[in-house]
């Protein structure tokens, strides 16, 4: 590495190279000192500006992070508002007229809207009826002796489970088969 590269690419003057400094005049020393002070001031200003930019970047990042936490569910909520409206309409209709068929039809459509909204945001339902018990996705509430299913099979789903983008949010609460006592 040459001497210019060692000192950040700046060309060095004779006294900085360590040559004979005894023959420098006071004027030359004064100019060198002034140059050194100017460079130091310039570097200091660069440091101050860089620090200010970093502080601004940190503050902007913090604001963006807060907004992401605060408004991150905005699209999800927008999807659920239709479901809410549908539930309110169904509730009011059920109070006014007692047509069970229309109430069932409205409830079915509302459940479909909810399922579509959840699926759009990566929510998947776990309904393991008839499947082999999986402790990573299911929580056994109890064992049921039965001949109708092989041992360690989910025979009754007490409460469905849910995944969010492949991650377990709530396990399915299940009853699991066991071989009957002989």
Protein backbone atom coordinates (compact mmCIF):
# COMPACT_ATOMS: atom_id res chain seq x y z
CA UNK A 1 0.00 0.00 0.00
CA UNK A 2 1.51 3.36 -0.94
CA UNK A 3 1.55 6.39 1.32
CA UNK A 4 -1.41 8.05 -0.45
CA UNK A 5 -3.64 5.02 0.23
CA UNK A 6 -2.52 4.85 3.84
CA UNK A 7 -3.86 8.33 4.46
CA UNK A 8 -7.20 8.06 2.68
CA UNK A 9 -5.97 8.94 -0.80
CA UNK A 10 -4.79 12.45 0.12
CA UNK A 11 -1.40 13.54 -1.09
CA UNK A 12 0.96 14.21 1.77
CA UNK A 13 3.15 17.31 1.95
CA UNK A 14 6.81 17.06 2.71
CA UNK A 15 6.57 17.73 6.48
CA UNK A 16 3.79 15.15 6.85
CA UNK A 17 6.02 12.56 5.26
CA UNK A 18 8.43 12.95 8.10
CA UNK A 19 11.16 14.61 6.07
CA UNK A 20 13.34 17.28 7.61
CA UNK A 21 10.92 19.53 9.50
CA UNK A 22 13.58 21.83 10.92
CA UNK A 23 13.72 23.99 7.80
CA UNK A 24 9.97 24.95 7.93
CA UNK A 25 9.29 28.61 8.27
CA UNK A 26 6.73 29.87 10.80
CA UNK A 27 4.49 30.96 7.89
CA UNK A 28 4.61 27.47 6.39
CA UNK A 29 3.87 25.91 9.79
CA UNK A 30 0.97 28.34 10.21
CA UNK A 31 -0.45 27.35 6.80
CA UNK A 32 -0.06 23.66 7.65
CA UNK A 33 -1.79 24.19 10.98
CA UNK A 34 -4.60 26.13 9.29
CA UNK A 35 -4.99 23.36 6.67
CA UNK A 36 -5.11 20.74 9.42
CA UNK A 37 -7.73 22.76 11.32
CA UNK A 38 -9.84 23.17 8.17
CA UNK A 39 -9.71 19.44 7.49
CA UNK A 40 -10.58 18.69 11.11
CA UNK A 41 -13.53 21.13 10.91
CA UNK A 42 -14.67 19.56 7.64
CA UNK A 43 -14.49 16.05 9.14
CA UNK A 44 -16.30 17.21 12.25
CA UNK A 45 -19.11 18.68 10.13
CA UNK A 46 -19.36 15.41 8.23
CA UNK A 47 -19.64 13.50 11.51
CA UNK A 48 -22.33 15.87 12.80
CA UNK A 49 -24.32 15.59 9.54
CA UNK A 50 -23.98 11.80 9.54
CA UNK A 51 -25.19 11.61 13.13
CA UNK A 52 -28.17 13.81 12.30
CA UNK A 53 -29.01 11.61 9.31
CA UNK A 54 -28.78 8.50 11.48
CA UNK A 55 -31.03 10.05 14.13
CA UNK A 56 -33.57 11.01 11.46
CA UNK A 57 -33.40 7.52 9.97
CA UNK A 58 -33.97 5.95 13.41
CA UNK A 59 -36.94 8.25 14.10
CA UNK A 60 -38.47 7.54 10.67
CA UNK A 61 -37.99 3.80 11.14
CA UNK A 62 -39.59 3.99 14.60
CA UNK A 63 -42.60 5.91 13.18
CA UNK A 64 -43.00 3.41 10.36
CA UNK A 65 -42.79 0.51 12.80
CA UNK A 66 -45.40 2.10 15.08
CA UNK A 67 -47.70 2.68 12.10
CA UNK A 68 -47.22 -0.90 10.95
CA UNK A 69 -48.27 -2.13 14.40
CA UNK A 70 -51.09 0.38 14.64
CA UNK A 71 -52.56 -0.03 11.16
CA UNK A 72 -51.29 -3.47 10.15
CA UNK A 73 -54.73 -5.00 10.55
CA UNK A 74 -56.51 -2.35 8.48
CA UNK A 75 -57.08 -4.62 5.45
CA UNK A 76 -58.18 -7.49 7.69
CA UNK A 77 -60.64 -5.28 9.54
CA UNK A 78 -61.97 -4.01 6.20
CA UNK A 79 -62.72 -7.60 5.19
CA UNK A 80 -64.44 -8.35 8.50
CA UNK A 81 -66.71 -5.30 8.33
CA UNK A 82 -68.85 -7.03 5.69
CA UNK A 83 -69.23 -10.02 7.99
CA UNK A 84 -70.21 -7.73 10.86
CA UNK A 85 -72.80 -5.96 8.70
CA UNK A 86 -74.23 -9.31 7.59
CA UNK A 87 -74.50 -10.53 11.19
CA UNK A 88 -76.32 -7.35 12.23
CA UNK A 89 -78.75 -7.64 9.32
CA UNK A 90 -79.42 -11.29 10.17
CA UNK A 91 -79.93 -10.48 13.83
CA UNK A 92 -82.38 -7.67 13.08
CA UNK A 93 -84.25 -9.82 10.56
CA UNK A 94 -84.55 -12.66 13.10
CA UNK A 95 -86.01 -10.26 15.67
CA UNK A 96 -88.62 -8.93 13.21
CA UNK A 97 -89.77 -12.12 11.52
CA UNK A 98 -89.12 -15.62 12.69
CA UNK A 99 -88.49 -17.31 9.34
CA UNK A 100 -85.94 -19.94 10.32
CA UNK A 101 -85.15 -20.87 6.71
CA UNK A 102 -84.10 -17.31 5.83
CA UNK A 103 -82.15 -17.04 9.08
CA UNK A 104 -80.28 -20.26 8.27
CA UNK A 105 -79.59 -19.08 4.73
CA UNK A 106 -78.26 -15.71 5.97
CA UNK A 107 -76.10 -17.40 8.61
CA UNK A 108 -74.67 -19.76 6.00
CA UNK A 109 -73.77 -16.84 3.71
CA UNK A 110 -72.22 -14.94 6.62
CA UNK A 111 -70.09 -17.96 7.56
CA UNK A 112 -68.96 -18.22 3.93
CA UNK A 113 -67.99 -14.50 3.97
CA UNK A 114 -66.04 -15.03 7.19
CA UNK A 115 -64.29 -18.12 5.82
CA UNK A 116 -63.30 -16.23 2.64
CA UNK A 117 -61.98 -13.25 4.64
CA UNK A 118 -59.97 -15.50 6.95
CA UNK A 119 -58.54 -17.54 4.07
CA UNK A 120 -57.53 -14.32 2.26
CA UNK A 121 -55.31 -13.48 5.24
CA UNK A 122 -53.79 -16.93 5.69
CA UNK A 123 -56.10 -18.34 8.39
CA UNK A 124 -56.74 -22.04 7.93
CA UNK A 125 -59.19 -24.14 9.95
CA UNK A 126 -58.13 -27.45 11.53
CA UNK A 127 -61.02 -29.94 11.60
CA UNK A 128 -59.33 -33.30 12.28
CA UNK A 129 -62.38 -35.60 12.60
CA UNK A 130 -61.32 -39.14 11.61
CA UNK A 131 -57.61 -38.26 11.42
CA UNK A 132 -54.79 -39.75 13.47
CA UNK A 133 -54.17 -37.69 16.62
CA UNK A 134 -51.33 -35.17 16.07
CA UNK A 135 -50.11 -33.54 19.30
CA UNK A 136 -48.58 -30.68 17.29
CA UNK A 137 -52.03 -29.62 16.00
CA UNK A 138 -54.50 -31.24 18.40
CA UNK A 139 -55.11 -31.11 22.13
CA UNK A 140 -56.68 -34.25 23.55
CA UNK A 141 -59.55 -33.52 25.94
CA UNK A 142 -60.04 -37.17 26.75
CA UNK A 143 -59.98 -40.76 25.53
CA UNK A 144 -63.01 -42.69 24.30
CA UNK A 145 -62.98 -46.50 24.26
CA UNK A 146 -64.44 -47.63 20.89
CA UNK A 147 -64.34 -50.43 18.32
CA UNK A 148 -65.47 -48.08 15.53
CA UNK A 149 -62.10 -46.36 15.01
CA UNK A 150 -58.49 -47.46 15.31
CA UNK A 151 -56.74 -46.40 18.53
CA UNK A 152 -55.28 -42.88 18.59
CA UNK A 153 -57.83 -41.52 16.08
CA UNK A 154 -59.82 -38.29 16.55
CA UNK A 155 -63.42 -39.41 17.04
CA UNK A 156 -64.96 -36.08 18.12
CA UNK A 157 -63.88 -32.47 17.57
CA UNK A 158 -64.94 -30.39 20.56
CA UNK A 159 -63.47 -27.16 19.14
CA UNK A 160 -61.77 -26.60 15.78
CA UNK A 161 -58.20 -25.34 15.65
CA UNK A 162 -56.62 -22.66 13.47
CA UNK A 163 -53.35 -21.98 11.66
CA UNK A 164 -52.15 -18.53 10.59
CA UNK A 165 -49.83 -18.79 7.60
CA UNK A 166 -48.89 -22.32 8.69
CA UNK A 167 -48.30 -21.40 12.33
CA UNK A 168 -50.58 -22.84 15.01
CA UNK A 169 -52.82 -20.19 16.59
CA UNK A 170 -55.11 -22.56 18.48
CA UNK A 171 -55.00 -26.36 18.59
CA UNK A 172 -58.12 -28.37 17.84
CA UNK A 173 -59.69 -29.71 21.06
CA UNK A 174 -60.47 -33.35 20.40
CA UNK A 175 -61.59 -36.66 21.87
CA UNK A 176 -59.29 -39.53 20.89
CA UNK A 177 -60.17 -43.20 20.47
CA UNK A 178 -58.61 -45.96 22.50
CA UNK A 179 -59.04 -49.72 22.33
CA UNK A 180 -61.95 -50.87 24.49
CA UNK A 181 -61.14 -52.73 27.67
CA UNK A 182 -61.58 -56.48 27.19
